[in-house]
Amino acid sequence: MNWSLTEATAWIWRYLQTLQVTDFLDIAIMAFVFYKILTLVQSTKAASLLKGLLTFLAMLLVSSALHLNGINFILSGMVDMGVLALIILFQPELRRLLEQMGSRSFVAFLTHTEDGGTIEKTIAQTVIACTDMSQSRTGALIVFEREMLMDDLVRSGTVLDAAVSSELLKNIFFVKAPMHDGAVIVRNGRVLGAGCMLPLSKNVNLSRDLGMRHRAGIGMSENSDAVVVIVSEETGSISVAIGGMLKRHLKPETLENLLRNELLPQDVSEKEKKPGLLGLLHIKKNGGVDDGQ
């Protein structure tokens, strides 16, 4: 049936008049969920899988519209197993989505508050420790927990409950210390555990010069919303992994700014940014740190 532009416009107008408030709410919720799914899969292998899925659906629609019966029959048959295939292909991403949804209750979300002062002190002490460990080429792996809780990973190491300080971090990662090989997990400015085991990244495209410490840090960021700070034992360079992406060769002030942007509440992170103790520390100790972004 061939429709004129006027008829099509009239049909669309009549359809819009039948919509109710609940219909618009339904559309808004679906759009939000779809947006969160796109945000979840970006910068991961799921992004390419999603593009393949959209291409498949486009081919199915085109074959149906052009009456390509053979192609349409084959593609329609593949749809029958599509749901199971998607669950298998997207299993890591689906698990991550469910973990994020259950990371904290709705009431906790409404009442959630962060002590900006404590987190600022934690960031300052972390930058000082990483600067010193970079100069001495002491390997370190520090995980800053955000909304997704990591109690299972904490139990894989030694459970602690101590305020973050530069001396504590340097003592934990001292080469002869019993917990130096694992990761430190930090929650709300306190060290929850040390010597913790992290999942390795499954990204086959990582550079071959990245060691196990970097692969564990990237893997942790792929499977959670954590911010992971890594100090290389071989080169002393400082890196940060977020969302499966690794930012390498960071200077102390760059590390500080990145941690402030990621860990502090927005209203706190946008306050005065004049250089303080860390800026003076960088001027004094910059010689031992790799050039960064």
C-alpha atoms as a PDB file:
ATOM      1  CA  MET A   1       0.000   0.000   0.000  1.00  0.00           C
ATOM      2  CA  ASN A   2       1.413   3.352  -1.114  1.00  0.00           C
ATOM      3  CA  TRP A   3       0.887   6.221   1.331  1.00  0.00           C
ATOM      4  CA  SER A   4       1.219   9.884   0.535  1.00  0.00           C
ATOM      5  CA  LEU A   5       3.110  12.183   2.878  1.00  0.00           C
ATOM      6  CA  THR A   6      -0.168  13.734   4.044  1.00  0.00           C
ATOM      7  CA  GLU A   7      -1.682  10.354   4.878  1.00  0.00           C
ATOM      8  CA  ALA A   8       1.427   9.235   6.714  1.00  0.00           C
ATOM      9  CA  THR A   9       1.499  12.462   8.724  1.00  0.00           C
ATOM     10  CA  ALA A  10      -2.184  12.100   9.593  1.00  0.00           C
ATOM     11  CA  TRP A  11      -1.673   8.490  10.715  1.00  0.00           C
ATOM     12  CA  ILE A  12       1.266   9.468  12.929  1.00  0.00           C
ATOM     13  CA  TRP A  13      -0.795  12.287  14.474  1.00  0.00           C
ATOM     14  CA  ARG A  14      -3.719   9.951  15.226  1.00  0.00           C
ATOM     15  CA  TYR A  15      -1.313   7.462  16.778  1.00  0.00           C
ATOM     16  CA  LEU A  16       0.279  10.102  19.013  1.00  0.00           C
ATOM     17  CA  GLN A  17      -3.166  11.132  20.220  1.00  0.00           C
ATOM     18  CA  THR A  18      -3.765   7.588  21.502  1.00  0.00           C
ATOM     19  CA  LEU A  19      -0.673   7.668  23.724  1.00  0.00           C
ATOM     20  CA  GLN A  20      -1.096   8.093  27.461  1.00  0.00           C
ATOM     21  CA  VAL A  21       1.237   9.288  30.198  1.00  0.00           C
ATOM     22  CA  THR A  22       2.134   5.694  31.071  1.00  0.00           C
ATOM     23  CA  ASP A  23       3.204   5.115  27.458  1.00  0.00           C
ATOM     24  CA  PHE A  24       5.650   8.003  27.625  1.00  0.00           C
ATOM     25  CA  LEU A  25       6.916   6.691  30.978  1.00  0.00           C
ATOM     26  CA  ASP A  26       7.369   3.260  29.429  1.00  0.00           C
ATOM     27  CA  ILE A  27       9.360   4.739  26.539  1.00  0.00           C
ATOM     28  CA  ALA A  28      11.514   6.828  28.894  1.00  0.00           C
ATOM     29  CA  ILE A  29      12.384   3.813  31.070  1.00  0.00           C
ATOM     30  CA  MET A  30      13.277   1.698  28.037  1.00  0.00           C
ATOM     31  CA  ALA A  31      15.422   4.519  26.631  1.00  0.00           C
ATOM     32  CA  PHE A  32      17.238   4.871  29.966  1.00  0.00           C
ATOM     33  CA  VAL A  33      17.882   1.117  30.209  1.00  0.00           C
ATOM     34  CA  PHE A  34      19.129   1.037  26.627  1.00  0.00           C
ATOM     35  CA  TYR A  35      21.412   3.999  27.352  1.00  0.00           C
ATOM     36  CA  LYS A  36      22.865   2.259  30.440  1.00  0.00           C
ATOM     37  CA  ILE A  37      23.480  -0.889  28.416  1.00  0.00           C
ATOM     38  CA  LEU A  38      25.325   1.123  25.762  1.00  0.00           C
ATOM     39  CA  THR A  39      27.358   2.833  28.479  1.00  0.00           C
ATOM     40  CA  LEU A  40      28.197  -0.542  30.013  1.00  0.00           C
ATOM     41  CA  VAL A  41      29.447  -2.171  26.828  1.00  0.00           C
ATOM     42  CA  GLN A  42      31.416   0.764  25.433  1.00  0.00           C
ATOM     43  CA  SER A  43      35.202   0.312  25.348  1.00  0.00           C
ATOM     44  CA  THR A  44      34.836  -3.455  25.780  1.00  0.00           C
ATOM     45  CA  LYS A  45      34.620  -6.427  23.465  1.00  0.00           C
ATOM     46  CA  ALA A  46      30.844  -6.252  23.829  1.00  0.00           C
ATOM     47  CA  ALA A  47      30.819  -3.085  21.714  1.00  0.00           C
ATOM     48  CA  SER A  48      31.888  -4.990  18.611  1.00  0.00           C
ATOM     49  CA  LEU A  49      29.382  -7.747  19.401  1.00  0.00           C
ATOM     50  CA  LEU A  50      26.627  -5.162  19.673  1.00  0.00           C
ATOM     51  CA  LYS A  51      27.566  -3.715  16.299  1.00  0.00           C
ATOM     52  CA  GLY A  52      27.393  -7.221  14.825  1.00  0.00           C
ATOM     53  CA  LEU A  53      23.955  -7.722  16.366  1.00  0.00           C
ATOM     54  CA  LEU A  54      22.652  -4.455  14.898  1.00  0.00           C
ATOM     55  CA  THR A  55      24.064  -5.421  11.486  1.00  0.00           C
ATOM     56  CA  PHE A  56      22.299  -8.799  11.716  1.00  0.00           C
ATOM     57  CA  LEU A  57      18.959  -7.145  12.558  1.00  0.00           C
ATOM     58  CA  ALA A  58      19.393  -4.693   9.688  1.00  0.00           C
ATOM     59  CA  MET A  59      20.031  -7.566   7.262  1.00  0.00           C
ATOM     60  CA  LEU A  60      16.922  -9.345   8.558  1.00  0.00           C
ATOM     61  CA  LEU A  61      14.747  -6.274   7.975  1.00  0.00           C
ATOM     62  CA  VAL A  62      16.202  -5.599   4.524  1.00  0.00           C
ATOM     63  CA  SER A  63      15.778  -9.231   3.399  1.00  0.00           C
ATOM     64  CA  SER A  64      12.157  -9.127   4.533  1.00  0.00           C
ATOM     65  CA  ALA A  65      11.448  -5.791   2.840  1.00  0.00           C
ATOM     66  CA  LEU A  66      13.051  -6.875  -0.464  1.00  0.00           C
ATOM     67  CA  HIS A  67      11.446 -10.346  -0.341  1.00  0.00           C
ATOM     68  CA  LEU A  68      14.808 -12.151  -0.325  1.00  0.00           C
ATOM     69  CA  ASN A  69      13.111 -15.306   0.878  1.00  0.00           C
ATOM     70  CA  GLY A  70      16.195 -17.550   1.042  1.00  0.00           C
ATOM     71  CA  ILE A  71      18.280 -15.129   3.101  1.00  0.00           C
ATOM     72  CA  ASN A  72      15.287 -14.224   5.252  1.00  0.00           C
ATOM     73  CA  PHE A  73      14.582 -17.901   5.974  1.00  0.00           C
ATOM     74  CA  ILE A  74      18.170 -18.511   7.118  1.00  0.00           C
ATOM     75  CA  LEU A  75      18.327 -15.372   9.270  1.00  0.00           C
ATOM     76  CA  SER A  76      14.905 -16.079  10.797  1.00  0.00           C
ATOM     77  CA  GLY A  77      16.084 -19.562  11.739  1.00  0.00           C
ATOM     78  CA  MET A  78      19.130 -18.065  13.463  1.00  0.00           C
ATOM     79  CA  VAL A  79      16.859 -15.804  15.548  1.00  0.00           C
ATOM     80  CA  ASP A  80      15.381 -18.856  17.292  1.00  0.00           C
ATOM     81  CA  MET A  81      18.714 -19.470  19.006  1.00  0.00           C
ATOM     82  CA  GLY A  82      19.528 -15.760  19.290  1.00  0.00           C
ATOM     83  CA  VAL A  83      18.565 -15.250  22.929  1.00  0.00           C
ATOM     84  CA  LEU A  84      20.688 -18.150  24.159  1.00  0.00           C
ATOM     85  CA  ALA A  85      23.596 -17.036  21.974  1.00  0.00           C
ATOM     86  CA  LEU A  86      23.396 -13.493  23.345  1.00  0.00           C
ATOM     87  CA  ILE A  87      23.406 -14.739  26.939  1.00  0.00           C
ATOM     88  CA  ILE A  88      26.541 -16.779  26.203  1.00  0.00           C
ATOM     89  CA  LEU A  89      28.328 -13.990  24.315  1.00  0.00           C
ATOM     90  CA  PHE A  90      27.429 -11.217  26.755  1.00  0.00           C
ATOM     91  CA  GLN A  91      27.804 -13.264  29.941  1.00  0.00           C
ATOM     92  CA  PRO A  92      30.634 -11.143  31.460  1.00  0.00           C
ATOM     93  CA  GLU A  93      28.810  -7.883  30.690  1.00  0.00           C
ATOM     94  CA  LEU A  94      25.462  -9.198  31.964  1.00  0.00           C
ATOM     95  CA  ARG A  95      27.119 -10.329  35.181  1.00  0.00           C
ATOM     96  CA  ARG A  96      28.736  -6.924  35.586  1.00  0.00           C
ATOM     97  CA  LEU A  97      25.387  -5.196  35.018  1.00  0.00           C
ATOM     98  CA  LEU A  98      23.659  -7.349  37.649  1.00  0.00           C
ATOM     99  CA  GLU A  99      26.498  -6.734  40.116  1.00  0.00           C
ATOM    100  CA  GLN A 100      26.166  -2.994  39.602  1.00  0.00           C
ATOM    101  CA  MET A 101      22.403  -3.179  40.103  1.00  0.00           C
ATOM    102  CA  GLY A 102      22.884  -5.039  43.397  1.00  0.00           C
ATOM    103  CA  SER A 103      25.863  -3.063  44.614  1.00  0.00           C
ATOM    104  CA  ARG A 104      23.752  -1.092  47.063  1.00  0.00           C
ATOM    105  CA  SER A 105      20.085  -0.780  47.927  1.00  0.00           C
ATOM    106  CA  PHE A 106      17.813   2.054  46.830  1.00  0.00           C
ATOM    107  CA  VAL A 107      17.673   3.454  50.362  1.00  0.00           C
ATOM    108  CA  ALA A 108      21.444   3.371  50.639  1.00  0.00           C
ATOM    109  CA  PHE A 109      21.633   5.178  47.306  1.00  0.00           C
ATOM    110  CA  LEU A 110      19.362   7.966  48.562  1.00  0.00           C
ATOM    111  CA  THR A 111      21.240   8.368  51.845  1.00  0.00           C
ATOM    112  CA  HIS A 112      24.741   7.810  50.458  1.00  0.00           C
ATOM    113  CA  THR A 113      27.231  10.434  51.581  1.00  0.00           C
ATOM    114  CA  GLU A 114      30.965  10.667  51.182  1.00  0.00           C
ATOM    115  CA  ASP A 115      33.446  12.325  53.484  1.00  0.00           C
ATOM    116  CA  GLY A 116      35.307  14.528  51.026  1.00  0.00           C
ATOM    117  CA  GLY A 117      37.953  15.438  53.589  1.00  0.00           C
ATOM    118  CA  THR A 118      38.849  11.813  54.287  1.00  0.00           C
ATOM    119  CA  ILE A 119      39.013  10.979  50.603  1.00  0.00           C
ATOM    120  CA  GLU A 120      41.187  14.030  49.911  1.00  0.00           C
ATOM    121  CA  LYS A 121      43.638  12.870  52.580  1.00  0.00           C
ATOM    122  CA  THR A 122      43.579   9.376  51.107  1.00  0.00           C
ATOM    123  CA  ILE A 123      44.376  10.743  47.649  1.00  0.00           C
ATOM    124  CA  ALA A 124      47.210  12.892  48.989  1.00  0.00           C
ATOM    125  CA  GLN A 125      48.787   9.993  50.907  1.00  0.00           C
ATOM    126  CA  THR A 126      48.407   7.692  47.895  1.00  0.00           C
ATOM    127  CA  VAL A 127      50.136  10.148  45.561  1.00  0.00           C
ATOM    128  CA  ILE A 128      53.010  10.614  48.007  1.00  0.00           C
ATOM    129  CA  ALA A 129      53.420   6.839  48.370  1.00  0.00           C
ATOM    130  CA  CYS A 130      53.239   6.222  44.618  1.00  0.00           C
ATOM    131  CA  THR A 131      55.781   8.970  43.942  1.00  0.00           C
ATOM    132  CA  ASP A 132      58.244   7.422  46.398  1.00  0.00           C
ATOM    133  CA  MET A 133      57.597   3.881  45.122  1.00  0.00           C
ATOM    134  CA  SER A 134      58.032   5.109  41.551  1.00  0.00           C
ATOM    135  CA  GLN A 135      61.454   6.478  42.379  1.00  0.00           C
ATOM    136  CA  SER A 136      62.512   3.271  44.140  1.00  0.00           C
ATOM    137  CA  ARG A 137      60.806   1.104  41.474  1.00  0.00           C
ATOM    138  CA  THR A 138      58.656  -0.689  44.003  1.00  0.00           C
ATOM    139  CA  GLY A 139      55.696  -2.439  42.393  1.00  0.00           C
ATOM    140  CA  ALA A 140      52.271  -1.500  43.754  1.00  0.00           C
ATOM    141  CA  LEU A 141      48.622  -2.286  43.008  1.00  0.00           C
ATOM    142  CA  ILE A 142      45.989  -0.151  44.782  1.00  0.00           C
ATOM    143  CA  VAL A 143      42.252  -0.603  44.173  1.00  0.00           C
ATOM    144  CA  PHE A 144      39.851   2.187  45.135  1.00  0.00           C
ATOM    145  CA  GLU A 145      36.402   0.689  45.606  1.00  0.00           C
ATOM    146  CA  ARG A 146      33.415   2.752  44.503  1.00  0.00           C
ATOM    147  CA  GLU A 147      29.817   1.513  44.283  1.00  0.00           C
ATOM    148  CA  MET A 148      30.548  -2.165  43.614  1.00  0.00           C
ATOM    149  CA  LEU A 149      31.569  -3.877  46.838  1.00  0.00           C
ATOM    150  CA  MET A 150      34.609  -6.181  46.861  1.00  0.00           C
ATOM    151  CA  ASP A 151      34.214  -8.176  50.046  1.00  0.00           C
ATOM    152  CA  ASP A 152      35.002 -11.466  48.282  1.00  0.00           C
ATOM    153  CA  LEU A 153      38.287 -10.085  46.949  1.00  0.00           C
ATOM    154  CA  VAL A 154      39.181  -8.671  50.372  1.00  0.00           C
ATOM    155  CA  ARG A 155      38.804 -12.153  51.872  1.00  0.00           C
ATOM    156  CA  SER A 156      41.271 -13.513  49.301  1.00  0.00           C
ATOM    157  CA  GLY A 157      44.031 -11.592  51.086  1.00  0.00           C
ATOM    158  CA  THR A 158      44.706 -10.345  54.598  1.00  0.00           C
ATOM    159  CA  VAL A 159      41.792  -8.429  56.096  1.00  0.00           C
ATOM    160  CA  LEU A 160      42.788  -5.066  57.553  1.00  0.00           C
ATOM    161  CA  ASP A 161      41.071  -1.943  58.816  1.00  0.00           C
ATOM    162  CA  ALA A 162      43.476   0.967  58.778  1.00  0.00           C
ATOM    163  CA  ALA A 163      43.557   4.562  57.601  1.00  0.00           C
ATOM    164  CA  VAL A 164      45.436   5.094  54.355  1.00  0.00           C
ATOM    165  CA  SER A 165      48.891   6.578  54.838  1.00  0.00           C
ATOM    166  CA  SER A 166      51.932   6.757  52.624  1.00  0.00           C
ATOM    167  CA  GLU A 167      54.046   4.837  55.125  1.00  0.00           C
ATOM    168  CA  LEU A 168      51.480   2.034  55.393  1.00  0.00           C
ATOM    169  CA  LEU A 169      51.296   1.643  51.612  1.00  0.00           C
ATOM    170  CA  LYS A 170      55.072   1.648  51.217  1.00  0.00           C
ATOM    171  CA  ASN A 171      55.451  -0.929  53.996  1.00  0.00           C
ATOM    172  CA  ILE A 172      52.818  -3.207  52.433  1.00  0.00           C
ATOM    173  CA  PHE A 173      54.491  -3.111  49.012  1.00  0.00           C
ATOM    174  CA  PHE A 174      58.054  -3.348  50.305  1.00  0.00           C
ATOM    175  CA  VAL A 175      59.672  -6.070  48.233  1.00  0.00           C
ATOM    176  CA  LYS A 176      60.344  -8.343  51.215  1.00  0.00           C
ATOM    177  CA  ALA A 177      56.946  -7.811  52.853  1.00  0.00           C
ATOM    178  CA  PRO A 178      54.660 -10.890  52.848  1.00  0.00           C
ATOM    179  CA  MET A 179      51.770  -9.056  51.153  1.00  0.00           C
ATOM    180  CA  HIS A 180      53.684  -7.131  48.474  1.00  0.00           C
ATOM    181  CA  ASP A 181      52.593  -9.347  45.569  1.00  0.00           C
ATOM    182  CA  GLY A 182      48.861  -8.787  45.942  1.00  0.00           C
ATOM    183  CA  ALA A 183      46.616  -5.744  45.773  1.00  0.00           C
ATOM    184  CA  VAL A 184      45.500  -3.285  48.417  1.00  0.00           C
ATOM    185  CA  ILE A 185      41.766  -2.550  48.454  1.00  0.00           C
ATOM    186  CA  VAL A 186      40.611   0.826  49.772  1.00  0.00           C
ATOM    187  CA  ARG A 187      37.051   1.729  50.757  1.00  0.00           C
ATOM    188  CA  ASN A 188      36.077   5.222  51.945  1.00  0.00           C
ATOM    189  CA  GLY A 189      39.611   6.152  52.902  1.00  0.00           C
ATOM    190  CA  ARG A 190      40.455   2.927  54.766  1.00  0.00           C
ATOM    191  CA  VAL A 191      42.530  -0.075  53.752  1.00  0.00           C
ATOM    192  CA  LEU A 192      40.227  -3.098  53.859  1.00  0.00           C
ATOM    193  CA  GLY A 193      42.699  -5.734  52.774  1.00  0.00           C
ATOM    194  CA  ALA A 194      46.190  -6.359  51.414  1.00  0.00           C
ATOM    195  CA  GLY A 195      47.717  -9.174  49.398  1.00  0.00           C
ATOM    196  CA  CYS A 196      44.377  -9.603  47.589  1.00  0.00           C
ATOM    197  CA  MET A 197      44.101 -11.572  44.366  1.00  0.00           C
ATOM    198  CA  LEU A 198      42.539  -9.785  41.372  1.00  0.00           C
ATOM    199  CA  PRO A 199      41.102 -11.230  38.148  1.00  0.00           C
ATOM    200  CA  LEU A 200      43.381 -10.935  35.115  1.00  0.00           C
ATOM    201  CA  SER A 201      42.223  -9.110  32.018  1.00  0.00           C
ATOM    202  CA  LYS A 202      40.907 -11.263  29.164  1.00  0.00           C
ATOM    203  CA  ASN A 203      41.736  -8.599  26.586  1.00  0.00           C
ATOM    204  CA  VAL A 204      43.984 -10.279  24.021  1.00  0.00           C
ATOM    205  CA  ASN A 205      44.955  -6.926  22.490  1.00  0.00           C
ATOM    206  CA  LEU A 206      46.953  -5.691  25.485  1.00  0.00           C
ATOM    207  CA  SER A 207      50.545  -4.705  24.879  1.00  0.00           C
ATOM    208  CA  ARG A 208      53.020  -7.508  25.511  1.00  0.00           C
ATOM    209  CA  ASP A 209      55.184  -5.265  27.667  1.00  0.00           C
ATOM    210  CA  LEU A 210      52.470  -5.211  30.333  1.00  0.00           C
ATOM    211  CA  GLY A 211      53.199  -7.558  33.222  1.00  0.00           C
ATOM    212  CA  MET A 212      50.861  -9.489  35.502  1.00  0.00           C
ATOM    213  CA  ARG A 213      50.402  -6.510  37.835  1.00  0.00           C
ATOM    214  CA  HIS A 214      49.096  -4.334  34.995  1.00  0.00           C
ATOM    215  CA  ARG A 215      46.914  -7.134  33.604  1.00  0.00           C
ATOM    216  CA  ALA A 216      45.395  -7.678  37.049  1.00  0.00           C
ATOM    217  CA  GLY A 217      44.722  -3.956  37.409  1.00  0.00           C
ATOM    218  CA  ILE A 218      43.049  -3.765  33.995  1.00  0.00           C
ATOM    219  CA  GLY A 219      41.077  -6.938  34.729  1.00  0.00           C
ATOM    220  CA  MET A 220      39.818  -5.443  37.984  1.00  0.00           C
ATOM    221  CA  SER A 221      38.680  -2.295  36.173  1.00  0.00           C
ATOM    222  CA  GLU A 222      36.938  -4.396  33.509  1.00  0.00           C
ATOM    223  CA  ASN A 223      34.913  -6.303  36.077  1.00  0.00           C
ATOM    224  CA  SER A 224      34.009  -3.413  38.386  1.00  0.00           C
ATOM    225  CA  ASP A 225      33.731   0.355  38.612  1.00  0.00           C
ATOM    226  CA  ALA A 226      36.923   0.561  40.699  1.00  0.00           C
ATOM    227  CA  VAL A 227      39.826   2.926  40.088  1.00  0.00           C
ATOM    228  CA  VAL A 228      43.100   0.987  40.093  1.00  0.00           C
ATOM    229  CA  VAL A 229      46.522   2.601  40.576  1.00  0.00           C
ATOM    230  CA  ILE A 230      49.561   0.636  39.389  1.00  0.00           C
ATOM    231  CA  VAL A 231      53.256   1.308  39.920  1.00  0.00           C
ATOM    232  CA  SER A 232      55.569  -0.672  37.654  1.00  0.00           C
ATOM    233  CA  GLU A 233      58.375  -2.592  39.326  1.00  0.00           C
ATOM    234  CA  GLU A 234      60.399  -2.640  36.099  1.00  0.00           C
ATOM    235  CA  THR A 235      60.176   1.011  35.034  1.00  0.00           C
ATOM    236  CA  GLY A 236      58.705   2.810  38.040  1.00  0.00           C
ATOM    237  CA  SER A 237      55.996   4.377  35.860  1.00  0.00           C
ATOM    238  CA  ILE A 238      52.610   5.145  37.406  1.00  0.00           C
ATOM    239  CA  SER A 239      49.417   4.015  35.652  1.00  0.00           C
ATOM    240  CA  VAL A 240      45.685   4.110  36.355  1.00  0.00           C
ATOM    241  CA  ALA A 241      43.099   1.615  35.042  1.00  0.00           C
ATOM    242  CA  ILE A 242      39.438   2.661  34.757  1.00  0.00           C
ATOM    243  CA  GLY A 243      36.729   0.822  32.836  1.00  0.00           C
ATOM    244  CA  GLY A 244      39.224  -1.468  31.136  1.00  0.00           C
ATOM    245  CA  MET A 245      41.318   1.460  29.879  1.00  0.00           C
ATOM    246  CA  LEU A 246      44.896   2.042  31.073  1.00  0.00           C
ATOM    247  CA  LYS A 247      46.433   5.513  31.390  1.00  0.00           C
ATOM    248  CA  ARG A 248      50.197   5.149  31.612  1.00  0.00           C
ATOM    249  CA  HIS A 249      53.277   7.198  32.555  1.00  0.00           C
ATOM    250  CA  LEU A 250      51.436   9.619  34.814  1.00  0.00           C
ATOM    251  CA  LYS A 251      53.141  12.415  36.700  1.00  0.00           C
ATOM    252  CA  PRO A 252      52.232  12.873  40.380  1.00  0.00           C
ATOM    253  CA  GLU A 253      50.066  15.936  39.754  1.00  0.00           C
ATOM    254  CA  THR A 254      48.279  14.131  36.906  1.00  0.00           C
ATOM    255  CA  LEU A 255      47.638  11.175  39.181  1.00  0.00           C
ATOM    256  CA  GLU A 256      46.300  13.491  41.870  1.00  0.00           C
ATOM    257  CA  ASN A 257      43.928  15.272  39.476  1.00  0.00           C
ATOM    258  CA  LEU A 258      42.696  11.988  38.021  1.00  0.00           C
ATOM    259  CA  LEU A 259      41.968  10.512  41.449  1.00  0.00           C
ATOM    260  CA  ARG A 260      40.216  13.679  42.557  1.00  0.00           C
ATOM    261  CA  ASN A 261      38.004  13.653  39.467  1.00  0.00           C
ATOM    262  CA  GLU A 262      37.102   9.971  39.878  1.00  0.00           C
ATOM    263  CA  LEU A 263      36.816   9.601  43.657  1.00  0.00           C
ATOM    264  CA  LEU A 264      35.653  12.918  45.057  1.00  0.00           C
ATOM    265  CA  PRO A 265      32.047  14.129  44.930  1.00  0.00           C
ATOM    266  CA  GLN A 266      31.676  16.565  42.040  1.00  0.00           C
ATOM    267  CA  ASP A 267      31.091  19.608  44.246  1.00  0.00           C
ATOM    268  CA  VAL A 268      34.268  18.859  46.201  1.00  0.00           C
ATOM    269  CA  SER A 269      36.472  18.073  43.191  1.00  0.00           C
ATOM    270  CA  GLU A 270      35.588  21.408  41.555  1.00  0.00           C
ATOM    271  CA  LYS A 271      36.667  23.495  44.544  1.00  0.00           C
ATOM    272  CA  GLU A 272      39.889  25.484  44.613  1.00  0.00           C
ATOM    273  CA  LYS A 273      42.680  23.738  42.703  1.00  0.00           C
ATOM    274  CA  LYS A 274      45.707  25.724  43.822  1.00  0.00           C
ATOM    275  CA  PRO A 275      48.901  23.642  44.232  1.00  0.00           C
ATOM    276  CA  GLY A 276      49.653  22.522  47.742  1.00  0.00           C
ATOM    277  CA  LEU A 277      51.786  19.859  49.384  1.00  0.00           C
ATOM    278  CA  LEU A 278      51.651  17.558  46.364  1.00  0.00           C
ATOM    279  CA  GLY A 279      52.685  20.312  43.977  1.00  0.00           C
ATOM    280  CA  LEU A 280      55.730  21.080  46.131  1.00  0.00           C
ATOM    281  CA  LEU A 281      56.438  17.358  46.406  1.00  0.00           C
ATOM    282  CA  HIS A 282      56.420  17.023  42.617  1.00  0.00           C
ATOM    283  CA  ILE A 283      58.819  19.972  42.149  1.00  0.00           C
ATOM    284  CA  LYS A 284      61.199  18.351  44.607  1.00  0.00           C
ATOM    285  CA  LYS A 285      60.951  14.728  43.423  1.00  0.00           C
ATOM    286  CA  ASN A 286      60.014  14.875  39.740  1.00  0.00           C
ATOM    287  CA  GLY A 287      63.334  13.500  38.580  1.00  0.00           C
ATOM    288  CA  GLY A 288      62.413   9.897  39.411  1.00  0.00           C
ATOM    289  CA  VAL A 289      59.029   9.840  37.667  1.00  0.00           C
ATOM    290  CA  ASP A 290      58.432   9.035  33.990  1.00  0.00           C
ATOM    291  CA  ASP A 291      57.048  11.832  31.829  1.00  0.00           C
ATOM    292  CA  GLY A 292      53.323  11.545  31.427  1.00  0.00           C
ATOM    293  CA  GLN A 293      50.251  13.105  30.004  1.00  0.00           C
END
